[in-house]
Amino acid sequence: MFELDALRLLVTVAETGSFTKAAARLNYTQSAVSRRIAALEQQAGGPLLERLPRGVRLNPAGRTLHRHAMEVLDRLSRAERELAVLHAGHGGLLHVGAFATANISLVPTALRALQDARPDVEVVAVEGPTDTLMERLADGALDLAVVSDYPSGLPSADGVTTTALCEDELFVALPRGHRLAGVGTIDLRELHDEAWLQNAYGDRPTMLADACARAGFTPRKIIRIAEWTGKFGYAAAGLGVALVPSLAAWAVPDELVLCRLTDPALRRTVHVALPAAPLPAARKLRDLLYEAESRRARV
């Protein structure tokens, strides 16, 4: 591996055409420049410079190494600038994760505000379940994540802190022709004969399982559907009913109606998760998420 200082020295010697001028520019002695260039040539496997009566110039091997040295030094310089901007909170990459329904409105609203406030910040957004997002935060792959305790509780992760963003009420989605579609609030026991559209059930505790147990029944059938579009499609076809968070309300198709449930525990908590030392841009996005949620709650 070539040392960066040696590459910088080669570039300076090529620019000045002289060991003496390069030494003066870099505050070296001329003998130090000669020794460093000789060591670099030995490492490169042969001469890099033609020694002329007045000065030096690159030979073919020197021009090859000089080209690569310029590329390396330029990339490192750009990395240094980007890191300085990033840590100052004025730009750079920001890796953001969120679960699916947070990406319907809440997170995009905050990211739009971040783009206006910090146009030099480039967001890399990913979507995934809460447990995966928490793992990626702990691994340093994410700078901020929006996570929730639904359906199976909020997992912990080393070095990750969470703060509650909002309480998100869970409704039940019914096809418009359902016998209970016109009822304002439904007792869960009235749905004991329904098939439920749910991603996880039985293999671990879930809010739905707990709520059904409180209501004194076990669902007669669970249809395991993970994606919201699939849940909406099955529910609209009358194949089952599903719990739908308020964050997803405006994305529900016209073929479905959302009804409140009498169980006050059927709500999830949405959290903002950050690493122990968050980037300034991540802290700014956190604040914008709270502002976006405050506006949503007033609607």
Protein backbone atom coordinates (compact mmCIF):
# COMPACT_ATOMS: atom_id res chain seq x y z
CA MET A 1 0.00 0.00 0.00
CA PHE A 2 1.28 3.45 -0.88
CA GLU A 3 1.31 6.02 1.90
CA LEU A 4 -0.87 9.07 1.33
CA ASP A 5 1.93 11.46 2.25
CA ALA A 6 4.16 9.86 -0.37
CA LEU A 7 1.43 10.19 -3.00
CA ARG A 8 0.91 13.85 -2.09
CA LEU A 9 4.66 14.37 -2.40
CA LEU A 10 4.72 12.79 -5.86
CA VAL A 11 1.86 15.05 -6.98
CA THR A 12 3.65 18.14 -5.63
CA VAL A 13 6.95 17.19 -7.29
CA ALA A 14 5.10 16.69 -10.59
CA GLU A 15 3.39 20.09 -10.23
CA THR A 16 6.56 22.00 -9.35
CA GLY A 17 9.02 19.99 -11.49
CA SER A 18 11.60 20.29 -8.75
CA PHE A 19 12.56 18.61 -5.47
CA THR A 20 13.60 22.00 -4.12
CA LYS A 21 10.27 23.71 -4.91
CA ALA A 22 8.30 20.72 -3.60
CA ALA A 23 10.30 20.80 -0.38
CA ALA A 24 9.57 24.51 0.06
CA ARG A 25 5.83 24.06 -0.59
CA LEU A 26 5.50 21.16 1.85
CA ASN A 27 7.95 22.50 4.45
CA TYR A 28 10.35 19.57 3.94
CA THR A 29 14.10 19.60 3.45
CA GLN A 30 15.32 18.76 -0.04
CA SER A 31 17.09 15.68 1.28
CA ALA A 32 13.85 14.49 2.91
CA VAL A 33 12.04 14.83 -0.41
CA SER A 34 14.78 12.86 -2.17
CA ARG A 35 14.60 10.08 0.43
CA ARG A 36 10.80 9.86 0.30
CA ILE A 37 10.75 9.76 -3.51
CA ALA A 38 13.48 7.09 -3.54
CA ALA A 39 11.44 4.98 -1.08
CA LEU A 40 8.31 5.45 -3.19
CA GLU A 41 10.19 4.38 -6.33
CA GLN A 42 11.46 1.30 -4.54
CA GLN A 43 7.90 0.46 -3.46
CA ALA A 44 6.63 1.08 -7.02
CA GLY A 45 9.23 -1.28 -8.46
CA GLY A 46 11.26 1.23 -10.44
CA PRO A 47 11.94 4.90 -11.26
CA LEU A 48 9.01 7.31 -11.41
CA LEU A 49 10.88 10.45 -12.45
CA GLU A 50 13.37 11.48 -15.08
CA ARG A 51 16.19 13.50 -13.54
CA LEU A 52 16.88 16.45 -15.85
CA PRO A 53 19.67 19.06 -15.77
CA ARG A 54 17.13 21.43 -14.26
CA GLY A 55 14.47 19.65 -12.29
CA VAL A 56 12.54 16.42 -12.80
CA ARG A 57 9.55 15.15 -14.74
CA LEU A 58 7.36 12.07 -14.61
CA ASN A 59 8.29 9.05 -16.69
CA PRO A 60 5.58 6.62 -17.97
CA ALA A 61 5.46 4.72 -14.66
CA GLY A 62 5.34 8.01 -12.78
CA ARG A 63 2.46 9.28 -14.93
CA THR A 64 0.52 6.08 -14.20
CA LEU A 65 0.99 6.35 -10.45
CA HIS A 66 0.37 10.12 -10.58
CA ARG A 67 -3.01 9.56 -12.27
CA HIS A 68 -4.10 7.14 -9.58
CA ALA A 69 -2.71 9.36 -6.84
CA MET A 70 -4.77 12.28 -8.11
CA GLU A 71 -7.92 10.14 -8.09
CA VAL A 72 -7.27 8.85 -4.57
CA LEU A 73 -6.44 12.26 -3.15
CA ASP A 74 -9.44 13.85 -4.84
CA ARG A 75 -11.81 11.22 -3.44
CA LEU A 76 -10.37 11.58 0.04
CA SER A 77 -10.71 15.35 -0.20
CA ARG A 78 -14.35 15.03 -1.24
CA ALA A 79 -14.96 12.54 1.58
CA GLU A 80 -13.44 14.98 4.07
CA ARG A 81 -15.69 17.79 2.82
CA GLU A 82 -18.79 15.60 2.86
CA LEU A 83 -18.07 14.40 6.39
CA ALA A 84 -17.55 17.95 7.61
CA VAL A 85 -20.86 18.98 6.08
CA LEU A 86 -22.57 15.88 7.44
CA HIS A 87 -21.42 16.39 11.01
CA ALA A 88 -22.32 20.06 10.84
CA GLY A 89 -25.85 19.01 9.93
CA HIS A 90 -25.88 20.83 6.59
CA GLY A 91 -25.79 17.93 4.17
CA GLY A 92 -24.49 14.51 3.31
CA LEU A 93 -26.28 11.17 3.33
CA LEU A 94 -28.97 10.38 5.89
CA HIS A 95 -30.17 6.77 6.09
CA VAL A 96 -33.78 6.63 7.27
CA GLY A 97 -35.95 3.58 7.93
CA ALA A 98 -39.66 3.23 8.65
CA PHE A 99 -42.37 0.59 8.82
CA ALA A 100 -44.88 0.44 6.00
CA THR A 101 -47.80 2.54 7.25
CA ALA A 102 -45.51 5.27 8.55
CA ASN A 103 -44.40 5.67 4.93
CA ILE A 104 -47.94 6.42 3.75
CA SER A 105 -48.03 9.99 5.02
CA LEU A 106 -46.15 10.69 8.27
CA VAL A 107 -42.58 10.07 7.13
CA PRO A 108 -42.98 11.56 3.61
CA THR A 109 -44.40 14.76 5.14
CA ALA A 110 -41.40 15.11 7.45
CA LEU A 111 -38.93 14.28 4.66
CA ARG A 112 -40.50 16.92 2.43
CA ALA A 113 -39.97 19.47 5.22
CA LEU A 114 -36.39 18.25 5.68
CA GLN A 115 -35.72 18.70 1.98
CA ASP A 116 -36.91 22.30 2.24
CA ALA A 117 -34.94 23.01 5.42
CA ARG A 118 -31.75 21.08 4.53
CA PRO A 119 -31.55 20.81 0.74
CA ASP A 120 -27.98 19.46 0.93
CA VAL A 121 -29.08 16.40 2.90
CA GLU A 122 -29.58 13.38 0.65
CA VAL A 123 -31.96 10.85 2.20
CA VAL A 124 -31.60 7.13 1.59
CA ALA A 125 -34.94 5.64 2.67
CA VAL A 126 -35.66 1.99 3.42
CA GLU A 127 -38.81 0.21 4.56
CA GLY A 128 -39.00 -2.78 6.85
CA PRO A 129 -40.47 -4.30 10.00
CA THR A 130 -39.57 -2.77 13.34
CA ASP A 131 -37.25 -5.56 14.51
CA THR A 132 -35.18 -5.31 11.32
CA LEU A 133 -35.00 -1.51 11.56
CA MET A 134 -33.80 -1.69 15.16
CA GLU A 135 -31.09 -4.16 14.19
CA ARG A 136 -29.93 -1.90 11.36
CA LEU A 137 -29.78 1.06 13.74
CA ALA A 138 -27.66 -0.95 16.17
CA ASP A 139 -25.36 -2.00 13.30
CA GLY A 140 -24.92 1.61 12.16
CA ALA A 141 -26.68 1.06 8.84
CA LEU A 142 -29.44 3.57 9.70
CA ASP A 143 -29.28 7.07 11.18
CA LEU A 144 -32.95 7.22 12.25
CA ALA A 145 -35.94 4.90 12.17
CA VAL A 146 -39.67 5.21 12.79
CA VAL A 147 -40.75 2.05 14.61
CA SER A 148 -43.73 0.76 16.57
CA ASP A 149 -44.78 -1.80 19.16
CA TYR A 150 -47.30 -3.40 16.78
CA PRO A 151 -47.96 -6.28 16.48
CA SER A 152 -45.60 -7.85 19.03
CA GLY A 153 -44.06 -5.13 21.19
CA LEU A 154 -41.07 -2.84 20.75
CA PRO A 155 -37.73 -4.69 20.64
CA SER A 156 -34.61 -3.24 22.23
CA ALA A 157 -31.24 -2.82 20.55
CA ASP A 158 -27.81 -1.96 21.92
CA GLY A 159 -26.99 1.73 21.69
CA VAL A 160 -30.44 2.68 20.35
CA THR A 161 -32.77 5.07 22.16
CA THR A 162 -36.47 5.44 21.42
CA THR A 163 -38.92 8.23 22.18
CA ALA A 164 -42.67 8.01 21.72
CA LEU A 165 -43.94 9.94 18.71
CA CYS A 166 -47.68 9.25 18.86
CA GLU A 167 -50.45 6.89 19.84
CA ASP A 168 -51.97 5.29 16.77
CA GLU A 169 -55.52 3.95 17.14
CA LEU A 170 -56.32 0.62 15.49
CA PHE A 171 -59.59 0.39 13.56
CA VAL A 172 -61.19 -2.62 11.94
CA ALA A 173 -61.59 -2.59 8.15
CA LEU A 174 -64.84 -4.07 6.86
CA PRO A 175 -66.27 -4.36 3.35
CA ARG A 176 -69.05 -1.82 2.76
CA GLY A 177 -71.62 -4.59 2.53
CA HIS A 178 -70.73 -6.03 5.94
CA ARG A 179 -73.57 -6.25 8.46
CA LEU A 180 -71.60 -4.02 10.90
CA ALA A 181 -70.29 -1.50 8.36
CA GLY A 182 -72.79 1.16 9.42
CA VAL A 183 -72.16 0.78 13.15
CA GLY A 184 -70.15 3.58 14.71
CA THR A 185 -68.22 1.54 17.30
CA ILE A 186 -67.93 -2.24 17.39
CA ASP A 187 -67.33 -4.62 20.27
CA LEU A 188 -64.68 -7.11 19.21
CA ARG A 189 -66.93 -9.99 20.33
CA GLU A 190 -69.25 -9.16 17.44
CA LEU A 191 -66.45 -10.24 15.10
CA HIS A 192 -65.78 -13.62 16.72
CA ASP A 193 -66.87 -15.54 13.59
CA GLU A 194 -64.73 -13.52 11.18
CA ALA A 195 -61.54 -14.57 9.47
CA TRP A 196 -58.72 -12.15 10.33
CA LEU A 197 -56.09 -10.88 7.93
CA GLN A 198 -52.89 -10.77 9.96
CA ASN A 199 -49.19 -11.20 9.26
CA ALA A 200 -48.22 -12.76 12.60
CA TYR A 201 -50.42 -14.80 14.90
CA GLY A 202 -49.94 -17.75 17.22
CA ASP A 203 -46.18 -18.03 16.88
CA ARG A 204 -45.66 -15.04 19.17
CA PRO A 205 -47.83 -12.68 21.26
CA THR A 206 -49.73 -10.09 19.24
CA MET A 207 -52.14 -7.27 20.03
CA LEU A 208 -54.91 -9.02 18.11
CA ALA A 209 -54.45 -12.27 20.04
CA ASP A 210 -54.45 -10.41 23.35
CA ALA A 211 -57.56 -8.41 22.39
CA CYS A 212 -59.44 -11.52 21.28
CA ALA A 213 -58.49 -13.27 24.52
CA ARG A 214 -59.85 -10.31 26.51
CA ALA A 215 -63.06 -10.57 24.50
CA GLY A 216 -63.30 -14.27 25.31
CA PHE A 217 -62.71 -15.91 21.93
CA THR A 218 -60.10 -17.15 19.51
CA PRO A 219 -60.41 -16.17 15.84
CA ARG A 220 -61.86 -19.01 13.83
CA LYS A 221 -59.36 -18.43 11.04
CA ILE A 222 -56.18 -16.41 10.41
CA ILE A 223 -55.23 -15.56 6.84
CA ARG A 224 -51.58 -14.62 6.86
CA ILE A 225 -51.20 -11.56 4.66
CA ALA A 226 -48.21 -9.25 5.21
CA GLU A 227 -48.69 -6.37 2.76
CA TRP A 228 -51.39 -3.76 3.30
CA THR A 229 -52.49 -3.83 -0.32
CA GLY A 230 -53.15 -7.55 0.06
CA LYS A 231 -55.08 -7.05 3.31
CA PHE A 232 -57.21 -4.36 1.68
CA GLY A 233 -57.88 -6.57 -1.33
CA TYR A 234 -58.92 -9.59 0.74
CA ALA A 235 -61.10 -7.44 3.03
CA ALA A 236 -62.80 -5.73 0.08
CA ALA A 237 -63.58 -9.17 -1.37
CA GLY A 238 -65.26 -10.16 1.89
CA LEU A 239 -62.66 -12.80 2.72
CA GLY A 240 -61.74 -11.39 6.13
CA VAL A 241 -61.38 -8.32 8.31
CA ALA A 242 -58.22 -6.55 9.40
CA LEU A 243 -56.91 -4.18 12.02
CA VAL A 244 -55.83 -0.95 10.32
CA PRO A 245 -53.91 1.86 12.07
CA SER A 246 -55.05 5.44 11.71
CA LEU A 247 -51.76 6.25 9.93
CA ALA A 248 -53.04 4.18 7.02
CA ALA A 249 -56.60 5.56 7.03
CA TRP A 250 -56.37 7.74 3.92
CA ALA A 251 -54.91 4.87 1.88
CA VAL A 252 -57.89 2.59 2.56
CA PRO A 253 -59.83 1.94 -0.69
CA ASP A 254 -63.44 3.09 -1.12
CA GLU A 255 -64.69 -0.51 -0.97
CA LEU A 256 -63.83 -0.60 2.75
CA VAL A 257 -65.03 1.27 5.82
CA LEU A 258 -63.08 1.75 9.06
CA CYS A 259 -64.91 1.24 12.35
CA ARG A 260 -63.74 2.01 15.85
CA LEU A 261 -63.45 -0.76 18.43
CA THR A 262 -64.53 -0.53 22.05
CA ASP A 263 -61.29 -2.03 23.41
CA PRO A 264 -59.16 0.96 24.49
CA ALA A 265 -56.00 -1.15 24.40
CA LEU A 266 -56.22 -1.58 20.64
CA ARG A 267 -53.73 1.10 19.78
CA ARG A 268 -50.03 1.09 19.09
CA THR A 269 -47.28 3.51 20.04
CA VAL A 270 -45.09 4.88 17.26
CA HIS A 271 -41.52 5.75 18.25
CA VAL A 272 -38.55 7.60 16.79
CA ALA A 273 -35.40 5.52 17.24
CA LEU A 274 -31.90 7.02 17.12
CA PRO A 275 -28.36 5.81 17.76
CA ALA A 276 -26.55 7.03 20.88
CA ALA A 277 -24.81 9.85 18.99
CA PRO A 278 -27.27 10.94 16.28
CA LEU A 279 -26.26 13.12 13.36
CA PRO A 280 -27.52 16.71 13.41
CA ALA A 281 -29.65 16.00 10.33
CA ALA A 282 -31.22 13.03 12.14
CA ARG A 283 -32.10 15.25 15.09
CA LYS A 284 -33.63 17.75 12.67
CA LEU A 285 -35.72 15.03 11.04
CA ARG A 286 -36.86 13.85 14.47
CA ASP A 287 -38.15 17.36 15.23
CA LEU A 288 -39.90 17.51 11.85
CA LEU A 289 -41.57 14.16 12.53
CA TYR A 290 -43.03 15.58 15.73
CA GLU A 291 -44.25 18.64 13.83
CA ALA A 292 -45.81 16.44 11.13
CA GLU A 293 -47.57 14.33 13.74
CA SER A 294 -48.82 17.42 15.57
CA ARG A 295 -50.40 18.73 12.36
CA ARG A 296 -51.90 15.30 11.59
CA ALA A 297 -53.43 15.09 15.06
CA ARG A 298 -55.15 18.45 14.60
CA VAL A 299 -56.84 17.39 11.37
